[in-house]
Amino acid sequence: MNATRAIFTMLGSINRLIGQVGVFFGSLFIAIMTLLVILGVFFRYVLNNSLTWVEDVSLIMMVTTAFLVAPFAYRSGANVAIEFISGLLRGPLVRVMRIIINLLVLWLIYRYFLESLGLVKRGWGIRVNTIPIPWAIPYMIVPASFVAMAMVGFELIMRDLWGLMSGSDKADLPHIAPQEPE
């Protein structure tokens, strides 16, 4: 039991670091993207000379940001949740339901991970319109994000299994997602 706890604690430390790095770079990309859009508007409407690359760079940064913060959102419970069913359940049934849901999420992550590898492979043959790089380079965040989300899924399942076996909620992560007002 202690070995299991040590494993998910170590995995949790790795996932927390990945999440923090993702949120940092996601925030940085949003700031840069905002500045680029303002710069693009200035050049287009004030100087009457549009920067053709701003739209492509902003698009790449927007999609990259979503995949950078996805592991953090999954781990913190900030993703889309349907809680009316789990609100009806009590005790160990909540954990069983979360394990089932996380197993389904892992299956989806696995399927989309395989699809993302094909996306990257096809991206080597397509160039970004205004930047001299293949689309495969920005697409690489997709499989990397799915690997990070799979690690989070395994951690969450291990925490719930440990909670079922020990009868304790000490390994539960705090739910930091904003709650809707009652």
N, C-alpha and C. Protein backbone atom coordinates (compact mmCIF):
# COMPACT_ATOMS: atom_id res chain seq x y z
N MET A 1 0.84 -1.20 0.00
CA MET A 1 0.00 0.00 0.00
C MET A 1 0.88 1.25 0.00
N ASN A 2 1.97 1.23 0.78
CA ASN A 2 2.87 2.38 0.79
C ASN A 2 3.59 2.55 -0.55
N ALA A 3 3.88 1.41 -1.21
CA ALA A 3 4.53 1.50 -2.53
C ALA A 3 3.59 2.16 -3.53
N THR A 4 2.31 1.81 -3.46
CA THR A 4 1.32 2.43 -4.36
C THR A 4 1.26 3.93 -4.12
N ARG A 5 1.22 4.29 -2.84
CA ARG A 5 1.16 5.72 -2.52
C ARG A 5 2.42 6.44 -3.00
N ALA A 6 3.58 5.80 -2.85
CA ALA A 6 4.83 6.42 -3.31
C ALA A 6 4.81 6.62 -4.83
N ILE A 7 4.24 5.65 -5.55
CA ILE A 7 4.19 5.76 -7.01
C ILE A 7 3.29 6.91 -7.43
N PHE A 8 2.06 6.99 -6.87
CA PHE A 8 1.20 8.08 -7.33
C PHE A 8 1.63 9.43 -6.77
N THR A 9 2.38 9.43 -5.67
CA THR A 9 2.93 10.70 -5.18
C THR A 9 4.02 11.20 -6.13
N MET A 10 4.88 10.28 -6.59
CA MET A 10 5.92 10.66 -7.55
C MET A 10 5.28 11.10 -8.87
N LEU A 11 4.31 10.32 -9.34
CA LEU A 11 3.61 10.68 -10.58
C LEU A 11 2.90 12.02 -10.42
N GLY A 12 2.34 12.26 -9.23
CA GLY A 12 1.69 13.54 -8.96
C GLY A 12 2.66 14.70 -9.01
N SER A 13 3.87 14.50 -8.51
CA SER A 13 4.88 15.56 -8.56
C SER A 13 5.25 15.89 -10.00
N ILE A 14 5.41 14.85 -10.81
CA ILE A 14 5.72 15.07 -12.23
C ILE A 14 4.56 15.78 -12.92
N ASN A 15 3.34 15.31 -12.66
CA ASN A 15 2.16 15.92 -13.28
C ASN A 15 1.97 17.37 -12.84
N ARG A 16 2.24 17.64 -11.57
CA ARG A 16 2.12 19.02 -11.08
C ARG A 16 3.11 19.92 -11.79
N LEU A 17 4.34 19.45 -11.95
CA LEU A 17 5.37 20.24 -12.65
C LEU A 17 4.97 20.47 -14.11
N ILE A 18 4.52 19.42 -14.78
CA ILE A 18 4.08 19.56 -16.17
C ILE A 18 2.94 20.57 -16.26
N GLY A 19 2.00 20.49 -15.32
CA GLY A 19 0.87 21.42 -15.30
C GLY A 19 1.30 22.86 -15.09
N GLN A 20 2.23 23.07 -14.15
CA GLN A 20 2.71 24.42 -13.87
C GLN A 20 3.45 25.00 -15.07
N VAL A 21 4.28 24.19 -15.70
CA VAL A 21 5.01 24.65 -16.89
C VAL A 21 4.02 24.96 -18.02
N GLY A 22 3.02 24.09 -18.19
CA GLY A 22 2.01 24.32 -19.23
C GLY A 22 1.22 25.60 -19.01
N VAL A 23 0.82 25.84 -17.76
CA VAL A 23 0.07 27.06 -17.46
C VAL A 23 0.95 28.29 -17.66
N PHE A 24 2.22 28.21 -17.25
CA PHE A 24 3.13 29.35 -17.43
C PHE A 24 3.27 29.69 -18.92
N PHE A 25 3.60 28.68 -19.73
CA PHE A 25 3.79 28.95 -21.16
C PHE A 25 2.47 29.28 -21.85
N GLY A 26 1.38 28.69 -21.40
CA GLY A 26 0.08 29.05 -21.95
C GLY A 26 -0.25 30.51 -21.69
N SER A 27 0.02 30.97 -20.47
CA SER A 27 -0.20 32.38 -20.13
C SER A 27 0.71 33.29 -20.94
N LEU A 28 1.96 32.87 -21.08
CA LEU A 28 2.92 33.64 -21.88
C LEU A 28 2.46 33.72 -23.34
N PHE A 29 1.99 32.62 -23.88
CA PHE A 29 1.52 32.61 -25.27
C PHE A 29 0.30 33.51 -25.45
N ILE A 30 -0.60 33.52 -24.47
CA ILE A 30 -1.77 34.40 -24.57
C ILE A 30 -1.33 35.86 -24.57
N ALA A 31 -0.37 36.21 -23.72
CA ALA A 31 0.13 37.59 -23.70
C ALA A 31 0.79 37.95 -25.03
N ILE A 32 1.64 37.06 -25.54
CA ILE A 32 2.30 37.32 -26.82
C ILE A 32 1.27 37.41 -27.94
N MET A 33 0.30 36.51 -27.93
CA MET A 33 -0.73 36.51 -28.96
C MET A 33 -1.52 37.82 -28.94
N THR A 34 -1.84 38.30 -27.75
CA THR A 34 -2.56 39.57 -27.63
C THR A 34 -1.74 40.72 -28.21
N LEU A 35 -0.45 40.76 -27.87
CA LEU A 35 0.42 41.80 -28.41
C LEU A 35 0.54 41.71 -29.93
N LEU A 36 0.63 40.49 -30.45
CA LEU A 36 0.73 40.31 -31.90
C LEU A 36 -0.53 40.79 -32.62
N VAL A 37 -1.68 40.49 -32.04
CA VAL A 37 -2.93 40.93 -32.67
C VAL A 37 -3.02 42.46 -32.66
N ILE A 38 -2.65 43.08 -31.54
CA ILE A 38 -2.65 44.55 -31.47
C ILE A 38 -1.66 45.12 -32.48
N LEU A 39 -0.49 44.51 -32.57
CA LEU A 39 0.51 44.94 -33.55
C LEU A 39 -0.01 44.79 -34.97
N GLY A 40 -0.68 43.67 -35.24
CA GLY A 40 -1.24 43.45 -36.57
C GLY A 40 -2.31 44.46 -36.93
N VAL A 41 -3.16 44.80 -35.97
CA VAL A 41 -4.20 45.81 -36.22
C VAL A 41 -3.55 47.17 -36.46
N PHE A 42 -2.54 47.51 -35.67
CA PHE A 42 -1.84 48.78 -35.85
C PHE A 42 -1.23 48.87 -37.25
N PHE A 43 -0.52 47.83 -37.65
CA PHE A 43 0.11 47.85 -38.97
C PHE A 43 -0.93 47.92 -40.09
N ARG A 44 -2.04 47.19 -39.93
CA ARG A 44 -3.04 47.15 -41.00
C ARG A 44 -3.79 48.46 -41.13
N TYR A 45 -4.25 49.02 -40.01
CA TYR A 45 -5.15 50.17 -40.10
C TYR A 45 -4.47 51.52 -39.92
N VAL A 46 -3.32 51.57 -39.27
CA VAL A 46 -2.62 52.84 -39.09
C VAL A 46 -1.55 53.01 -40.16
N LEU A 47 -0.74 51.99 -40.36
CA LEU A 47 0.35 52.09 -41.33
C LEU A 47 -0.06 51.59 -42.72
N ASN A 48 -1.26 51.03 -42.83
CA ASN A 48 -1.78 50.52 -44.09
C ASN A 48 -0.82 49.51 -44.74
N ASN A 49 -0.22 48.67 -43.91
CA ASN A 49 0.74 47.67 -44.36
C ASN A 49 0.60 46.45 -43.44
N SER A 50 -0.23 45.50 -43.82
CA SER A 50 -0.54 44.39 -42.91
C SER A 50 0.63 43.41 -42.80
N LEU A 51 0.76 42.87 -41.60
CA LEU A 51 1.73 41.81 -41.34
C LEU A 51 1.04 40.48 -41.63
N THR A 52 1.44 39.81 -42.66
CA THR A 52 0.73 38.62 -43.11
C THR A 52 0.90 37.43 -42.17
N TRP A 53 1.94 37.40 -41.39
CA TRP A 53 2.24 36.24 -40.57
C TRP A 53 1.54 36.26 -39.22
N VAL A 54 0.95 37.39 -38.82
CA VAL A 54 0.36 37.51 -37.48
C VAL A 54 -0.77 36.51 -37.28
N GLU A 55 -1.62 36.34 -38.28
CA GLU A 55 -2.77 35.44 -38.13
C GLU A 55 -2.32 33.99 -37.94
N ASP A 56 -1.35 33.55 -38.73
CA ASP A 56 -0.87 32.17 -38.60
C ASP A 56 -0.19 31.93 -37.26
N VAL A 57 0.65 32.87 -36.83
CA VAL A 57 1.33 32.72 -35.55
C VAL A 57 0.32 32.72 -34.40
N SER A 58 -0.67 33.59 -34.47
CA SER A 58 -1.70 33.63 -33.42
C SER A 58 -2.50 32.34 -33.38
N LEU A 59 -2.84 31.80 -34.54
CA LEU A 59 -3.57 30.54 -34.60
C LEU A 59 -2.75 29.41 -33.98
N ILE A 60 -1.49 29.33 -34.33
CA ILE A 60 -0.62 28.29 -33.78
C ILE A 60 -0.52 28.44 -32.27
N MET A 61 -0.34 29.67 -31.79
CA MET A 61 -0.21 29.89 -30.35
C MET A 61 -1.51 29.58 -29.61
N MET A 62 -2.65 29.89 -30.21
CA MET A 62 -3.93 29.63 -29.57
C MET A 62 -4.15 28.13 -29.39
N VAL A 63 -3.92 27.36 -30.44
CA VAL A 63 -4.10 25.92 -30.36
C VAL A 63 -3.07 25.30 -29.41
N THR A 64 -1.83 25.77 -29.49
CA THR A 64 -0.79 25.27 -28.60
C THR A 64 -1.14 25.54 -27.14
N THR A 65 -1.67 26.71 -26.86
CA THR A 65 -2.05 27.05 -25.49
C THR A 65 -3.10 26.08 -24.96
N ALA A 66 -4.09 25.76 -25.77
CA ALA A 66 -5.13 24.82 -25.33
C ALA A 66 -4.53 23.48 -24.94
N PHE A 67 -3.59 22.99 -25.73
CA PHE A 67 -2.99 21.69 -25.42
C PHE A 67 -1.96 21.79 -24.30
N LEU A 68 -1.36 22.95 -24.09
CA LEU A 68 -0.43 23.11 -22.98
C LEU A 68 -1.14 23.05 -21.63
N VAL A 69 -2.32 23.63 -21.55
CA VAL A 69 -3.03 23.69 -20.26
C VAL A 69 -3.98 22.52 -20.04
N ALA A 70 -4.21 21.69 -21.05
CA ALA A 70 -5.14 20.57 -20.91
C ALA A 70 -4.77 19.60 -19.78
N PRO A 71 -3.50 19.20 -19.61
CA PRO A 71 -3.18 18.31 -18.49
C PRO A 71 -3.47 18.95 -17.13
N PHE A 72 -3.18 20.24 -16.99
CA PHE A 72 -3.48 20.94 -15.74
C PHE A 72 -4.99 20.95 -15.49
N ALA A 73 -5.76 21.24 -16.54
CA ALA A 73 -7.22 21.29 -16.39
C ALA A 73 -7.77 19.93 -15.99
N TYR A 74 -7.27 18.88 -16.59
CA TYR A 74 -7.72 17.52 -16.26
C TYR A 74 -7.39 17.18 -14.81
N ARG A 75 -6.17 17.47 -14.39
CA ARG A 75 -5.74 17.11 -13.04
C ARG A 75 -6.47 17.92 -11.97
N SER A 76 -6.78 19.17 -12.25
CA SER A 76 -7.40 20.04 -11.24
C SER A 76 -8.92 19.98 -11.27
N GLY A 77 -9.49 19.23 -12.21
CA GLY A 77 -10.94 19.15 -12.28
C GLY A 77 -11.56 20.35 -12.96
N ALA A 78 -10.77 21.11 -13.70
CA ALA A 78 -11.28 22.32 -14.36
C ALA A 78 -11.83 22.01 -15.75
N ASN A 79 -11.83 20.74 -16.13
CA ASN A 79 -12.40 20.39 -17.42
C ASN A 79 -13.92 20.26 -17.29
N VAL A 80 -14.58 19.96 -18.37
CA VAL A 80 -16.04 19.82 -18.35
C VAL A 80 -16.40 18.64 -17.44
N ALA A 81 -17.33 18.86 -16.54
CA ALA A 81 -17.73 17.80 -15.61
C ALA A 81 -19.24 17.71 -15.54
N ILE A 82 -19.72 16.50 -15.45
CA ILE A 82 -21.14 16.28 -15.23
C ILE A 82 -21.26 15.73 -13.82
N GLU A 83 -21.68 16.56 -12.90
CA GLU A 83 -21.64 16.18 -11.50
C GLU A 83 -22.99 15.80 -10.92
N PHE A 84 -24.05 15.82 -11.71
CA PHE A 84 -25.34 15.50 -11.13
C PHE A 84 -25.42 14.03 -10.73
N ILE A 85 -24.72 13.13 -11.45
CA ILE A 85 -24.73 11.71 -11.09
C ILE A 85 -23.87 11.48 -9.86
N SER A 86 -22.66 12.04 -9.86
CA SER A 86 -21.78 11.82 -8.70
C SER A 86 -22.35 12.49 -7.45
N GLY A 87 -23.18 13.51 -7.62
CA GLY A 87 -23.83 14.13 -6.47
C GLY A 87 -24.83 13.21 -5.80
N LEU A 88 -25.35 12.25 -6.54
CA LEU A 88 -26.30 11.28 -5.98
C LEU A 88 -25.59 10.14 -5.26
N LEU A 89 -24.32 9.93 -5.57
CA LEU A 89 -23.57 8.82 -5.00
C LEU A 89 -22.84 9.25 -3.73
N ARG A 90 -22.61 8.29 -2.86
CA ARG A 90 -21.89 8.57 -1.62
C ARG A 90 -20.80 7.53 -1.41
N GLY A 91 -19.80 7.89 -0.63
CA GLY A 91 -18.77 6.96 -0.21
C GLY A 91 -17.99 6.34 -1.35
N PRO A 92 -17.79 5.02 -1.26
CA PRO A 92 -16.97 4.32 -2.26
C PRO A 92 -17.56 4.35 -3.67
N LEU A 93 -18.86 4.52 -3.79
CA LEU A 93 -19.47 4.56 -5.13
C LEU A 93 -18.97 5.75 -5.95
N VAL A 94 -18.67 6.85 -5.28
CA VAL A 94 -18.12 8.02 -5.99
C VAL A 94 -16.76 7.66 -6.58
N ARG A 95 -15.95 6.99 -5.80
CA ARG A 95 -14.62 6.59 -6.28
C ARG A 95 -14.73 5.60 -7.44
N VAL A 96 -15.63 4.63 -7.32
CA VAL A 96 -15.82 3.66 -8.40
C VAL A 96 -16.25 4.39 -9.67
N MET A 97 -17.17 5.33 -9.54
CA MET A 97 -17.63 6.10 -10.71
C MET A 97 -16.47 6.90 -11.31
N ARG A 98 -15.65 7.52 -10.47
CA ARG A 98 -14.50 8.28 -10.99
C ARG A 98 -13.50 7.37 -11.69
N ILE A 99 -13.29 6.17 -11.15
CA ILE A 99 -12.37 5.23 -11.79
C ILE A 99 -12.89 4.84 -13.16
N ILE A 100 -14.18 4.54 -13.25
CA ILE A 100 -14.79 4.17 -14.53
C ILE A 100 -14.66 5.33 -15.53
N ILE A 101 -14.97 6.54 -15.07
CA ILE A 101 -14.89 7.70 -15.96
C ILE A 101 -13.45 7.93 -16.42
N ASN A 102 -12.49 7.82 -15.50
CA ASN A 102 -11.09 8.04 -15.88
C ASN A 102 -10.58 6.93 -16.80
N LEU A 103 -11.08 5.70 -16.64
CA LEU A 103 -10.71 4.65 -17.58
C LEU A 103 -11.25 4.96 -18.98
N LEU A 104 -12.47 5.47 -19.05
CA LEU A 104 -13.03 5.88 -20.35
C LEU A 104 -12.23 7.04 -20.94
N VAL A 105 -11.85 7.99 -20.10
CA VAL A 105 -11.04 9.11 -20.58
C VAL A 105 -9.69 8.61 -21.10
N LEU A 106 -9.08 7.66 -20.39
CA LEU A 106 -7.80 7.10 -20.86
C LEU A 106 -7.97 6.40 -22.20
N TRP A 107 -9.08 5.71 -22.39
CA TRP A 107 -9.33 5.06 -23.67
C TRP A 107 -9.43 6.10 -24.78
N LEU A 108 -10.17 7.20 -24.52
CA LEU A 108 -10.28 8.28 -25.50
C LEU A 108 -8.92 8.91 -25.78
N ILE A 109 -8.15 9.14 -24.74
CA ILE A 109 -6.82 9.73 -24.91
C ILE A 109 -5.96 8.81 -25.79
N TYR A 110 -6.03 7.52 -25.54
CA TYR A 110 -5.28 6.55 -26.34
C TYR A 110 -5.68 6.64 -27.81
N ARG A 111 -6.98 6.64 -28.09
CA ARG A 111 -7.46 6.71 -29.47
C ARG A 111 -7.02 8.02 -30.14
N TYR A 112 -7.19 9.13 -29.42
CA TYR A 112 -6.80 10.42 -30.01
C TYR A 112 -5.29 10.56 -30.12
N PHE A 113 -4.55 9.93 -29.22
CA PHE A 113 -3.09 9.93 -29.33
C PHE A 113 -2.67 9.28 -30.65
N LEU A 114 -3.26 8.13 -30.96
CA LEU A 114 -2.93 7.46 -32.23
C LEU A 114 -3.28 8.33 -33.42
N GLU A 115 -4.43 9.00 -33.37
CA GLU A 115 -4.81 9.92 -34.45
C GLU A 115 -3.84 11.09 -34.56
N SER A 116 -3.37 11.58 -33.41
CA SER A 116 -2.47 12.74 -33.42
C SER A 116 -1.12 12.40 -34.05
N LEU A 117 -0.70 11.14 -33.92
CA LEU A 117 0.55 10.74 -34.59
C LEU A 117 0.40 10.85 -36.10
N GLY A 118 -0.76 10.46 -36.62
CA GLY A 118 -1.03 10.62 -38.05
C GLY A 118 -1.09 12.08 -38.45
N LEU A 119 -1.65 12.91 -37.58
CA LEU A 119 -1.72 14.35 -37.85
C LEU A 119 -0.31 14.93 -38.00
N VAL A 120 0.58 14.57 -37.09
CA VAL A 120 1.96 15.06 -37.17
C VAL A 120 2.63 14.54 -38.44
N LYS A 121 2.42 13.27 -38.73
CA LYS A 121 3.03 12.68 -39.93
C LYS A 121 2.56 13.41 -41.20
N ARG A 122 1.25 13.67 -41.30
CA ARG A 122 0.74 14.39 -42.47
C ARG A 122 1.22 15.84 -42.49
N GLY A 123 1.47 16.41 -41.31
CA GLY A 123 1.91 17.80 -41.22
C GLY A 123 3.28 18.06 -41.81
N TRP A 124 4.10 17.01 -41.96
CA TRP A 124 5.42 17.20 -42.57
C TRP A 124 5.30 17.57 -44.04
N GLY A 125 4.18 17.25 -44.66
CA GLY A 125 4.02 17.56 -46.08
C GLY A 125 3.28 18.86 -46.35
N ILE A 126 2.90 19.57 -45.30
CA ILE A 126 2.14 20.82 -45.47
C ILE A 126 2.92 21.95 -44.81
N ARG A 127 3.09 23.05 -45.53
CA ARG A 127 3.80 24.21 -44.98
C ARG A 127 2.80 25.22 -44.45
N VAL A 128 3.18 25.91 -43.39
CA VAL A 128 2.37 27.02 -42.89
C VAL A 128 2.43 28.11 -43.95
N ASN A 129 1.31 28.77 -44.20
CA ASN A 129 1.23 29.74 -45.31
C ASN A 129 2.28 30.84 -45.25
N THR A 130 2.46 31.46 -44.10
CA THR A 130 3.30 32.66 -44.03
C THR A 130 4.57 32.48 -43.22
N ILE A 131 4.79 31.29 -42.71
CA ILE A 131 5.99 31.01 -41.92
C ILE A 131 6.67 29.80 -42.56
N PRO A 132 7.98 29.83 -42.72
CA PRO A 132 8.64 28.74 -43.44
C PRO A 132 8.88 27.49 -42.57
N ILE A 133 7.80 26.94 -42.02
CA ILE A 133 7.91 25.70 -41.24
C ILE A 133 6.78 24.76 -41.67
N PRO A 134 6.99 23.45 -41.50
CA PRO A 134 5.90 22.52 -41.77
C PRO A 134 4.91 22.53 -40.60
N TRP A 135 3.64 22.21 -40.88
CA TRP A 135 2.62 22.18 -39.84
C TRP A 135 2.92 21.12 -38.78
N ALA A 136 3.76 20.16 -39.10
CA ALA A 136 4.08 19.10 -38.14
C ALA A 136 4.69 19.67 -36.86
N ILE A 137 5.44 20.74 -36.97
CA ILE A 137 6.10 21.30 -35.78
C ILE A 137 5.08 21.81 -34.77
N PRO A 138 4.11 22.67 -35.16
CA PRO A 138 3.10 23.05 -34.16
C PRO A 138 2.20 21.88 -33.75
N TYR A 139 1.99 20.91 -34.63
CA TYR A 139 1.14 19.77 -34.30
C TYR A 139 1.76 18.85 -33.25
N MET A 140 3.06 18.93 -33.04
CA MET A 140 3.73 18.03 -32.08
C MET A 140 3.23 18.20 -30.66
N ILE A 141 2.63 19.35 -30.34
CA ILE A 141 2.10 19.54 -29.00
C ILE A 141 0.94 18.59 -28.73
N VAL A 142 0.24 18.16 -29.77
CA VAL A 142 -0.96 17.33 -29.59
C VAL A 142 -0.61 15.97 -28.97
N PRO A 143 0.27 15.16 -29.57
CA PRO A 143 0.60 13.89 -28.91
C PRO A 143 1.30 14.08 -27.57
N ALA A 144 2.12 15.13 -27.45
CA ALA A 144 2.78 15.39 -26.16
C ALA A 144 1.75 15.67 -25.07
N SER A 145 0.73 16.44 -25.41
CA SER A 145 -0.33 16.75 -24.45
C SER A 145 -1.11 15.49 -24.08
N PHE A 146 -1.37 14.62 -25.05
CA PHE A 146 -2.10 13.39 -24.74
C PHE A 146 -1.29 12.48 -23.83
N VAL A 147 0.03 12.43 -23.99
CA VAL A 147 0.88 11.65 -23.08
C VAL A 147 0.78 12.23 -21.67
N ALA A 148 0.85 13.55 -21.55
CA ALA A 148 0.75 14.18 -20.23
C ALA A 148 -0.62 13.94 -19.61
N MET A 149 -1.69 14.00 -20.42
CA MET A 149 -3.03 13.74 -19.89
C MET A 149 -3.19 12.28 -19.48
N ALA A 150 -2.56 11.35 -20.20
CA ALA A 150 -2.60 9.94 -19.81
C ALA A 150 -1.92 9.75 -18.46
N MET A 151 -0.80 10.43 -18.25
CA MET A 151 -0.13 10.35 -16.94
C MET A 151 -1.05 10.85 -15.83
N VAL A 152 -1.78 11.92 -16.09
CA VAL A 152 -2.74 12.44 -15.11
C VAL A 152 -3.83 11.41 -14.86
N GLY A 153 -4.35 10.81 -15.92
CA GLY A 153 -5.40 9.80 -15.77
C GLY A 153 -4.94 8.64 -14.90
N PHE A 154 -3.73 8.15 -15.13
CA PHE A 154 -3.20 7.06 -14.31
C PHE A 154 -3.06 7.49 -12.85
N GLU A 155 -2.59 8.71 -12.64
CA GLU A 155 -2.47 9.22 -11.27
C GLU A 155 -3.83 9.26 -10.58
N LEU A 156 -4.84 9.80 -11.26
CA LEU A 156 -6.16 9.92 -10.65
C LEU A 156 -6.76 8.56 -10.34
N ILE A 157 -6.57 7.60 -11.24
CA ILE A 157 -7.07 6.24 -10.99
C ILE A 157 -6.36 5.62 -9.79
N MET A 158 -5.04 5.78 -9.74
CA MET A 158 -4.28 5.23 -8.61
C MET A 158 -4.71 5.86 -7.29
N ARG A 159 -4.95 7.16 -7.28
CA ARG A 159 -5.41 7.83 -6.06
C ARG A 159 -6.76 7.28 -5.61
N ASP A 160 -7.68 7.08 -6.56
CA ASP A 160 -8.99 6.55 -6.18
C ASP A 160 -8.91 5.08 -5.76
N LEU A 161 -8.07 4.29 -6.41
CA LEU A 161 -7.90 2.90 -5.98
C LEU A 161 -7.32 2.84 -4.57
N TRP A 162 -6.32 3.69 -4.30
CA TRP A 162 -5.74 3.74 -2.97
C TRP A 162 -6.80 4.17 -1.95
N GLY A 163 -7.62 5.15 -2.31
CA GLY A 163 -8.69 5.60 -1.42
C GLY A 163 -9.70 4.50 -1.15
N LEU A 164 -10.01 3.68 -2.16
CA LEU A 164 -10.93 2.55 -1.96
C LEU A 164 -10.33 1.51 -1.01
N MET A 165 -9.04 1.21 -1.22
CA MET A 165 -8.40 0.18 -0.40
C MET A 165 -8.16 0.64 1.03
N SER A 166 -7.80 1.90 1.20
CA SER A 166 -7.46 2.39 2.54
C SER A 166 -8.65 2.98 3.28
N GLY A 167 -9.70 3.32 2.54
CA GLY A 167 -10.85 3.97 3.17
C GLY A 167 -10.56 5.40 3.59
N SER A 168 -9.52 5.98 3.02
CA SER A 168 -9.09 7.33 3.39
C SER A 168 -9.22 8.27 2.20
N ASP A 169 -9.42 9.54 2.50
CA ASP A 169 -9.45 10.54 1.43
C ASP A 169 -8.20 11.42 1.45
N LYS A 170 -7.16 10.96 2.13
CA LYS A 170 -5.93 11.76 2.26
C LYS A 170 -5.19 11.93 0.94
N ALA A 171 -5.41 11.04 -0.01
CA ALA A 171 -4.71 11.14 -1.29
C ALA A 171 -5.50 11.92 -2.33
N ASP A 172 -6.70 12.36 -1.98
CA ASP A 172 -7.51 13.10 -2.95
C ASP A 172 -6.89 14.45 -3.25
N LEU A 173 -6.98 14.85 -4.50
CA LEU A 173 -6.51 16.18 -4.91
C LEU A 173 -7.60 17.20 -4.61
N PRO A 174 -7.21 18.41 -4.25
CA PRO A 174 -8.23 19.44 -4.06
C PRO A 174 -8.88 19.78 -5.40
N HIS A 175 -10.17 20.00 -5.37
CA HIS A 175 -10.92 20.38 -6.58
C HIS A 175 -10.85 21.89 -6.67
N ILE A 176 -9.96 22.40 -7.54
CA ILE A 176 -9.73 23.85 -7.57
C ILE A 176 -10.48 24.53 -8.70
N ALA A 177 -11.32 23.78 -9.40
CA ALA A 177 -12.09 24.39 -10.48
C ALA A 177 -13.10 25.36 -9.89
N PRO A 178 -13.34 26.46 -10.58
CA PRO A 178 -14.34 27.40 -10.07
C PRO A 178 -15.71 26.74 -10.03
N GLN A 179 -16.40 26.93 -8.95
CA GLN A 179 -17.73 26.35 -8.79
C GLN A 179 -18.79 27.36 -9.19
N GLU A 180 -19.84 26.87 -9.82
CA GLU A 180 -20.94 27.77 -10.18
C GLU A 180 -21.73 28.11 -8.94
N PRO A 181 -22.23 29.33 -8.87
CA PRO A 181 -23.02 29.71 -7.69
C PRO A 181 -24.31 28.91 -7.64
N GLU A 182 -24.73 28.62 -6.43
CA GLU A 182 -25.97 27.83 -6.22
C GLU A 182 -27.17 28.66 -6.55
